[in-house]
Amino acid sequence: MRDDDSRQDRTEAALNHLYQAVGDEADRAADAGFDPARGLAHFRAWLSEQVEQESVDEPSALVQGASSARRHQGAALGSGELPDFVAPGSVLLRSERAASPQPQPLLEPRARDWAEIQERMFTPLYEAVYKRLEVGPGTRVLGLGCGSGLGLMMATSRGARVAGVEPRTEFQALALERLSVMGVGAELGLLGGQPDVEGALHAPYAVTTVFEPLHRPLPPGQLNRVVGQAAELTAPDGTVVVATWGPQERCGTASALLLAQRLAAPDMRDVLAPFHHNANKAIAEAGLRPVGGGRLPCPFGYADLDAAVCGLLSMELFHPALEHSGKNRVTEELAEILYPYTRRDGTVWLPNVMLYTLGEHIR
C-alpha cells in the first residue's frame, strides 16, 4: 500500500510538471483530483486540439501559463528531487529515483527563460510527431539536442523509454529533474562532444528526433551531419524526425529571426538562416527513405511583451546577436518588431507554421 501511495505521489508530481510546462489550461484535470489517466488524457486531448486546428484565433493556455512562469522567474520547473550527478567526463546517466534531495542548480537566465517560457511553444509539434508515429509504451525515443527535456517528458507520458543528448550542463540539469520526477527509467547523455554511437546511448532507437533547427544556429552542412548521426542511432525500420520552420511568409516570428541574423556578426549570418534548412536533402544524404511528414500551426503566445522578448531571446538563434550588438539594442529592436503582434489585452501572439519530415532507416 505504501508503494502504491509513493507511486501515486510521483505521478501527481509528474502531472504537476506537465501542467506547468503547457500552461494553466491543464489545471482542469488537477481540479478533478489529479487522476493520472484522466489528467494525461486531458493533456493529450488539449494538445491534439491545438495541433488539428486549421487556424488559431485566440491565445490559449500557452499565454496564460507564461504569466505564471514570469512570476516565478527565480524558481526552476518544480521542486522534485534531483538525481545524483555523475563525475565530470561521464557520458551516460540512468535516471531512476533520486537517492536524496539535491540543491537546485543555479540557472543562467536565458536557460531559465527557455525552460519556463519558450520551450512550451513547441508542444503542438512534439505532440503531432508522437501521435503520427504512434509513440507509446515500450517505444524507444532518442532526442538529439533535447534541451531541458520537455519533448522527452511528453514522450515519457505516453509510456515511451527515452534518452537524450544535450551538451549544455544547465539544460542537462533541468532535463534530468523533469525525467526523474516522472518516476520511470530514463537515460540522458552527458557529453561535451559527440554521442557514443557504439553503445553509451544504448542504440538503436525506434524514433530519433532532430528538433534543433528550430531554435539553434546550424552552420551550412551541419544539419546533414546531425541527421546522418541520427540515422546511425536509429534501428532498422525506425524513423528519424527532422523539424524545420515552415514558409517564411507564414511565420509571424520570421521578422524577429531575421533581426537576430542582421544584428549578429557578419561571419555568423550564414549560420543564422533557419528558413533555409533542407530536411529532405539531409534525409536523402543520410541514406534514409523519405516517408512523408507534416505541416501544422505552431503559434507562439506570451502573457505580455516582456515575456515575449525574454522567451525569444532565450533561443540560441539570438545569442550571436546579443554578443555582437549588445542586449540593449537587440531588446529594443525586438520589442519594436513585436509591437504590431500585441493584442488589446497585452498578450503577444505570433502565428507560425512548422514542418516535420520523416526518414525511415532502411534495413
Protein backbone atom coordinates (compact mmCIF):
# COMPACT_ATOMS: atom_id res chain seq x y z
CA MET A 1 0.00 0.00 0.00
CA ARG A 2 2.85 2.34 0.84
CA ASP A 3 4.46 1.63 -2.56
CA ASP A 4 1.15 2.46 -4.25
CA ASP A 5 0.96 5.74 -2.34
CA SER A 6 4.53 6.56 -3.31
CA ARG A 7 3.84 5.81 -6.94
CA GLN A 8 0.73 7.99 -6.81
CA ASP A 9 2.74 10.81 -5.24
CA ARG A 10 5.32 10.59 -8.01
CA THR A 11 2.59 10.52 -10.64
CA GLU A 12 0.97 13.61 -9.17
CA ALA A 13 4.36 15.35 -9.14
CA ALA A 14 4.86 14.38 -12.78
CA LEU A 15 1.46 15.78 -13.70
CA ASN A 16 2.33 18.99 -11.90
CA HIS A 17 5.37 19.31 -14.17
CA LEU A 18 3.28 18.63 -17.25
CA TYR A 19 0.72 21.23 -16.28
CA GLN A 20 3.37 23.83 -15.55
CA ALA A 21 5.04 23.11 -18.88
CA VAL A 22 1.95 23.63 -21.01
CA GLY A 23 0.04 26.22 -19.02
CA ASP A 24 -2.99 26.71 -16.88
CA GLU A 25 -5.39 25.04 -19.30
CA ALA A 26 -4.44 21.63 -17.93
CA ASP A 27 -5.34 22.67 -14.37
CA ARG A 28 -8.87 21.46 -15.03
CA ALA A 29 -7.51 17.93 -14.66
CA ALA A 30 -5.93 18.91 -11.36
CA ASP A 31 -9.29 20.20 -10.15
CA ALA A 32 -10.69 16.76 -10.91
CA GLY A 33 -8.36 15.25 -8.31
CA PHE A 34 -5.18 14.52 -10.26
CA ASP A 35 -6.48 11.23 -11.58
CA PRO A 36 -3.41 10.13 -13.60
CA ALA A 37 -5.17 8.52 -16.56
CA ARG A 38 -7.76 11.30 -16.84
CA GLY A 39 -5.14 14.02 -16.35
CA LEU A 40 -2.81 12.72 -19.04
CA ALA A 41 -5.75 12.09 -21.37
CA HIS A 42 -6.82 15.72 -20.95
CA PHE A 43 -3.25 16.86 -21.56
CA ARG A 44 -3.05 14.97 -24.85
CA ALA A 45 -6.55 15.93 -25.92
CA TRP A 46 -5.80 19.62 -25.40
CA LEU A 47 -2.56 19.43 -27.38
CA SER A 48 -4.23 17.43 -30.15
CA GLU A 49 -6.89 20.12 -30.40
CA GLN A 50 -4.17 22.76 -30.83
CA VAL A 51 -2.41 20.68 -33.47
CA GLU A 52 -5.51 19.86 -35.52
CA GLN A 53 -6.86 23.41 -35.72
CA GLU A 54 -6.61 24.89 -39.20
CA SER A 55 -6.14 28.35 -37.65
CA VAL A 56 -5.80 29.72 -34.16
CA ASP A 57 -7.79 32.84 -33.42
CA GLU A 58 -7.22 33.33 -29.71
CA PRO A 59 -4.26 32.74 -27.40
CA SER A 60 -4.80 29.64 -25.29
CA ALA A 61 -3.14 28.30 -22.20
CA LEU A 62 0.27 28.92 -23.75
CA VAL A 63 -0.25 32.62 -22.99
CA GLN A 64 -1.72 32.20 -19.54
CA GLY A 65 0.94 29.71 -18.50
CA ALA A 66 3.67 32.16 -19.47
CA SER A 67 2.29 34.68 -16.99
CA SER A 68 2.71 32.21 -14.15
CA ALA A 69 6.23 31.37 -15.29
CA ARG A 70 7.28 35.01 -15.35
CA ARG A 71 6.04 35.49 -11.78
CA HIS A 72 8.35 32.72 -10.66
CA GLN A 73 11.48 33.50 -12.62
CA GLY A 74 13.83 32.50 -9.84
CA ALA A 75 12.43 29.01 -9.49
CA ALA A 76 13.26 26.04 -11.66
CA LEU A 77 10.42 23.93 -13.00
CA GLY A 78 9.16 22.07 -9.98
CA SER A 79 10.69 21.08 -6.67
CA GLY A 80 11.19 17.37 -7.24
CA GLU A 81 14.32 15.59 -6.10
CA LEU A 82 17.35 15.73 -8.38
CA PRO A 83 19.25 12.57 -9.26
CA ASP A 84 22.87 12.12 -8.25
CA PHE A 85 25.19 13.70 -10.77
CA VAL A 86 27.92 11.61 -12.32
CA ALA A 87 31.56 12.63 -12.23
CA PRO A 88 32.88 15.05 -14.87
CA GLY A 89 33.60 13.30 -18.14
CA SER A 90 30.97 10.62 -17.69
CA VAL A 91 28.81 10.02 -20.73
CA LEU A 92 25.59 8.45 -19.51
CA LEU A 93 23.29 8.84 -16.57
CA ARG A 94 20.39 6.50 -15.89
CA SER A 95 17.73 8.43 -14.05
CA GLU A 96 15.65 6.11 -11.84
CA ARG A 97 14.92 7.54 -8.38
CA ALA A 98 16.91 10.17 -6.56
CA ALA A 99 18.63 8.77 -3.51
CA SER A 100 18.32 12.03 -1.60
CA PRO A 101 17.29 15.65 -2.23
CA GLN A 102 19.91 17.71 -4.02
CA PRO A 103 20.13 21.52 -4.19
CA GLN A 104 18.62 23.02 -7.33
CA PRO A 105 21.40 24.27 -9.65
CA LEU A 106 21.54 28.00 -10.31
CA LEU A 107 20.37 28.55 -13.86
CA GLU A 108 21.77 31.01 -16.34
CA PRO A 109 18.90 33.45 -17.06
CA ARG A 110 18.50 32.53 -20.72
CA ALA A 111 18.32 28.82 -19.84
CA ARG A 112 15.64 29.61 -17.26
CA ASP A 113 13.64 31.68 -19.77
CA TRP A 114 13.87 28.86 -22.31
CA ALA A 115 12.55 26.30 -19.83
CA GLU A 116 9.86 28.49 -18.31
CA ILE A 117 8.62 30.42 -21.36
CA GLN A 118 9.86 29.40 -24.78
CA GLU A 119 10.12 25.62 -24.85
CA ARG A 120 6.39 25.13 -24.33
CA MET A 121 5.73 26.89 -27.62
CA PHE A 122 6.85 23.73 -29.44
CA THR A 123 4.45 21.36 -27.65
CA PRO A 124 1.99 21.15 -30.59
CA LEU A 125 4.88 19.98 -32.79
CA TYR A 126 6.09 17.38 -30.27
CA GLU A 127 2.59 16.03 -29.83
CA ALA A 128 1.93 15.88 -33.57
CA VAL A 129 5.12 13.90 -34.15
CA TYR A 130 4.45 11.42 -31.35
CA LYS A 131 0.86 10.96 -32.48
CA ARG A 132 1.88 10.40 -36.11
CA LEU A 133 4.48 7.79 -35.13
CA GLU A 134 2.20 6.17 -32.53
CA VAL A 135 4.76 6.57 -29.76
CA GLY A 136 3.52 4.56 -26.80
CA PRO A 137 4.50 2.03 -24.13
CA GLY A 138 7.88 0.50 -24.91
CA THR A 139 8.79 2.82 -27.79
CA ARG A 140 12.45 3.81 -27.52
CA VAL A 141 12.83 7.53 -28.26
CA LEU A 142 16.09 9.48 -28.54
CA GLY A 143 16.18 13.28 -28.61
CA LEU A 144 19.30 14.81 -30.16
CA GLY A 145 19.76 18.26 -28.62
CA CYS A 146 16.94 17.59 -26.17
CA GLY A 147 17.33 20.92 -24.33
CA SER A 148 15.61 20.97 -20.95
CA GLY A 149 13.68 17.81 -21.72
CA LEU A 150 10.07 18.83 -22.36
CA GLY A 151 9.85 16.77 -25.56
CA LEU A 152 11.24 13.71 -23.80
CA MET A 153 8.91 14.23 -20.87
CA MET A 154 5.94 14.25 -23.23
CA ALA A 155 7.15 11.00 -24.81
CA THR A 156 7.54 9.50 -21.34
CA SER A 157 3.96 10.45 -20.51
CA ARG A 158 2.95 8.19 -23.40
CA GLY A 159 4.88 5.29 -21.90
CA ALA A 160 8.00 5.59 -24.06
CA ARG A 161 11.51 4.77 -22.89
CA VAL A 162 13.52 7.90 -23.58
CA ALA A 163 17.09 9.07 -23.87
CA GLY A 164 18.55 12.43 -24.74
CA VAL A 165 21.75 14.08 -25.90
CA GLU A 166 22.40 17.58 -24.58
CA PRO A 167 25.86 19.21 -24.35
CA ARG A 168 24.93 22.20 -22.14
CA THR A 169 25.13 21.46 -18.42
CA GLU A 170 22.40 23.88 -17.33
CA PHE A 171 19.92 22.19 -19.66
CA GLN A 172 21.10 18.74 -18.59
CA ALA A 173 20.15 19.55 -15.01
CA LEU A 174 16.64 20.60 -15.99
CA ALA A 175 16.12 17.58 -18.23
CA LEU A 176 17.33 15.19 -15.54
CA GLU A 177 14.99 16.70 -12.98
CA ARG A 178 12.00 16.53 -15.29
CA LEU A 179 12.66 12.93 -16.28
CA SER A 180 13.42 11.70 -12.77
CA VAL A 181 10.21 13.16 -11.39
CA MET A 182 8.24 11.09 -13.90
CA GLY A 183 9.14 8.06 -11.75
CA VAL A 184 10.31 5.93 -14.67
CA GLY A 185 13.69 4.93 -16.06
CA ALA A 186 15.34 7.39 -18.42
CA GLU A 187 18.76 7.95 -19.88
CA LEU A 188 20.45 11.24 -20.59
CA GLY A 189 23.72 11.52 -22.45
CA LEU A 190 26.08 13.95 -20.72
CA LEU A 191 28.68 14.91 -23.24
CA GLY A 192 30.88 17.72 -24.34
CA GLY A 193 31.28 16.32 -27.84
CA GLN A 194 29.50 13.75 -29.94
CA PRO A 195 27.33 10.89 -28.68
CA ASP A 196 28.94 7.45 -28.47
CA VAL A 197 27.29 5.51 -31.26
CA GLU A 198 28.83 2.23 -30.05
CA GLY A 199 26.57 1.86 -27.04
CA ALA A 200 26.85 4.66 -24.50
CA LEU A 201 23.36 5.71 -25.53
CA HIS A 202 22.14 2.12 -25.83
CA ALA A 203 21.34 2.50 -29.51
CA PRO A 204 19.43 1.75 -31.63
CA TYR A 205 16.17 3.66 -31.13
CA ALA A 206 12.80 3.34 -32.81
CA VAL A 207 12.40 7.14 -33.05
CA THR A 208 15.19 9.73 -33.14
CA THR A 209 14.20 13.39 -33.15
CA VAL A 210 16.13 16.36 -34.51
CA PHE A 211 14.28 19.49 -33.39
CA GLU A 212 17.40 21.70 -33.15
CA PRO A 213 16.97 23.55 -36.48
CA LEU A 214 14.02 25.42 -34.97
CA HIS A 215 15.98 27.25 -32.30
CA ARG A 216 19.75 26.68 -32.61
CA PRO A 217 22.32 28.02 -35.11
CA LEU A 218 23.48 25.38 -37.57
CA PRO A 219 26.39 26.09 -39.95
CA PRO A 220 25.90 25.14 -43.61
CA GLY A 221 26.05 21.36 -43.89
CA GLN A 222 25.68 20.78 -40.16
CA LEU A 223 22.07 19.61 -40.47
CA ASN A 224 23.20 16.88 -42.86
CA ARG A 225 25.79 15.70 -40.35
CA VAL A 226 23.32 15.71 -37.46
CA VAL A 227 20.76 13.74 -39.46
CA GLY A 228 23.47 11.29 -40.51
CA GLN A 229 24.34 10.80 -36.85
CA ALA A 230 20.66 10.31 -36.03
CA ALA A 231 20.45 7.61 -38.71
CA GLU A 232 23.32 5.70 -37.08
CA LEU A 233 21.47 5.71 -33.77
CA THR A 234 18.15 4.56 -35.25
CA ALA A 235 17.06 0.94 -35.56
CA PRO A 236 16.23 -0.65 -38.94
CA ASP A 237 12.66 0.32 -39.82
CA GLY A 238 12.94 3.09 -37.22
CA THR A 239 12.25 6.74 -38.00
CA VAL A 240 14.32 9.93 -37.89
CA VAL A 241 12.27 13.12 -37.44
CA VAL A 242 13.66 16.45 -38.65
CA ALA A 243 11.75 19.61 -37.72
CA THR A 244 12.12 22.89 -39.62
CA TRP A 245 10.33 26.22 -39.94
CA GLY A 246 7.56 26.50 -42.48
CA PRO A 247 7.34 29.14 -45.23
CA GLN A 248 8.79 32.42 -44.07
CA GLU A 249 5.71 34.36 -45.14
CA ARG A 250 3.52 32.15 -42.90
CA CYS A 251 5.57 32.70 -39.76
CA GLY A 252 4.99 35.71 -37.53
CA THR A 253 8.32 35.00 -35.84
CA ALA A 254 10.19 35.42 -39.15
CA SER A 255 10.84 39.15 -38.72
CA ALA A 256 12.29 38.52 -35.26
CA LEU A 257 14.57 35.77 -36.58
CA LEU A 258 15.73 37.99 -39.44
CA LEU A 259 16.57 40.64 -36.84
CA ALA A 260 18.70 38.08 -34.99
CA GLN A 261 20.56 37.42 -38.22
CA ARG A 262 21.04 41.11 -39.07
CA LEU A 263 22.40 42.07 -35.64
CA ALA A 264 24.88 39.19 -35.47
CA ALA A 265 28.49 39.46 -36.60
CA PRO A 266 28.81 39.23 -40.41
CA ASP A 267 30.67 35.92 -40.23
CA MET A 268 27.79 34.39 -38.25
CA ARG A 269 24.92 35.32 -40.55
CA ASP A 270 25.12 32.20 -42.72
CA VAL A 271 24.71 30.14 -39.54
CA LEU A 272 21.52 32.03 -38.63
CA ALA A 273 19.31 31.10 -41.58
CA PRO A 274 16.65 28.79 -40.13
CA PHE A 275 14.34 29.16 -43.15
CA HIS A 276 16.98 27.76 -45.50
CA HIS A 277 17.29 24.26 -43.99
CA ASN A 278 16.54 21.45 -46.42
CA ALA A 279 15.30 18.48 -44.39
CA ASN A 280 14.57 16.36 -47.47
CA LYS A 281 18.15 16.72 -48.69
CA ALA A 282 19.55 15.90 -45.25
CA ILE A 283 17.41 12.76 -45.03
CA ALA A 284 18.42 11.62 -48.51
CA GLU A 285 22.14 12.16 -47.84
CA ALA A 286 21.84 10.15 -44.62
CA GLY A 287 20.61 7.16 -46.62
CA LEU A 288 17.14 7.30 -45.13
CA ARG A 289 13.97 6.67 -47.11
CA PRO A 290 11.56 9.65 -47.10
CA VAL A 291 8.21 8.55 -45.68
CA GLY A 292 6.29 11.81 -45.54
CA GLY A 293 5.90 14.36 -42.82
CA GLY A 294 3.52 17.02 -41.67
CA ARG A 295 2.74 20.73 -41.54
CA LEU A 296 0.96 22.33 -38.62
CA PRO A 297 0.21 25.66 -36.93
CA CYS A 298 2.54 26.27 -34.02
CA PRO A 299 1.77 29.77 -32.66
CA PHE A 300 3.92 31.48 -30.05
CA GLY A 301 1.76 33.08 -27.35
CA TYR A 302 3.06 35.23 -24.49
CA ALA A 303 1.47 36.91 -21.49
CA ASP A 304 2.98 40.29 -22.35
CA LEU A 305 5.70 42.00 -24.36
CA ASP A 306 8.33 41.42 -21.69
CA ALA A 307 7.65 37.69 -21.68
CA ALA A 308 7.80 37.61 -25.48
CA VAL A 309 11.17 39.34 -25.56
CA CYS A 310 12.61 37.10 -22.84
CA GLY A 311 11.26 33.96 -24.47
CA LEU A 312 12.60 34.72 -27.94
CA LEU A 313 15.99 35.88 -26.65
CA SER A 314 16.35 32.52 -24.88
CA MET A 315 16.51 30.82 -28.30
CA GLU A 316 20.11 30.22 -29.29
CA LEU A 317 19.42 31.80 -32.66
CA PHE A 318 19.52 35.16 -30.84
CA HIS A 319 22.72 34.59 -28.87
CA PRO A 320 25.16 35.76 -31.61
CA ALA A 321 23.17 38.99 -31.96
CA LEU A 322 23.29 39.58 -28.21
CA GLU A 323 27.04 39.03 -28.19
CA HIS A 324 27.71 41.26 -31.20
CA SER A 325 25.19 44.10 -30.82
CA GLY A 326 24.51 44.05 -27.07
CA LYS A 327 21.39 43.22 -25.12
CA ASN A 328 20.01 46.77 -25.03
CA ARG A 329 19.96 47.23 -28.80
CA VAL A 330 18.62 43.73 -29.52
CA THR A 331 15.91 44.06 -26.87
CA GLU A 332 14.82 47.49 -28.12
CA GLU A 333 14.59 46.47 -31.78
CA LEU A 334 12.90 43.17 -30.96
CA ALA A 335 10.25 44.97 -28.90
CA GLU A 336 9.54 47.26 -31.87
CA ILE A 337 9.09 44.26 -34.16
CA LEU A 338 6.76 42.54 -31.71
CA TYR A 339 4.60 45.59 -31.02
CA PRO A 340 2.24 45.01 -34.01
CA TYR A 341 1.57 41.50 -32.66
CA THR A 342 0.50 42.82 -29.25
CA ARG A 343 -3.22 42.46 -28.60
CA ARG A 344 -5.54 44.75 -26.67
CA ASP A 345 -5.22 42.64 -23.52
CA GLY A 346 -1.41 42.96 -23.65
CA THR A 347 -0.73 39.43 -24.85
CA VAL A 348 1.59 38.83 -27.80
CA TRP A 349 0.52 36.30 -30.43
CA LEU A 350 2.80 35.14 -33.26
CA PRO A 351 1.23 32.71 -35.74
CA ASN A 352 3.70 30.21 -37.19
CA VAL A 353 3.76 27.14 -39.38
CA MET A 354 6.22 24.35 -38.70
CA LEU A 355 7.18 21.28 -40.68
CA TYR A 356 8.43 17.85 -39.76
CA THR A 357 9.98 15.43 -42.22
CA LEU A 358 10.25 11.69 -41.63
CA GLY A 359 13.01 9.37 -42.82
CA GLU A 360 12.92 5.60 -42.39
CA HIS A 361 16.09 3.68 -41.63
CA ILE A 362 16.26 1.05 -44.36
CA ARG A 363 17.35 -2.46 -43.39
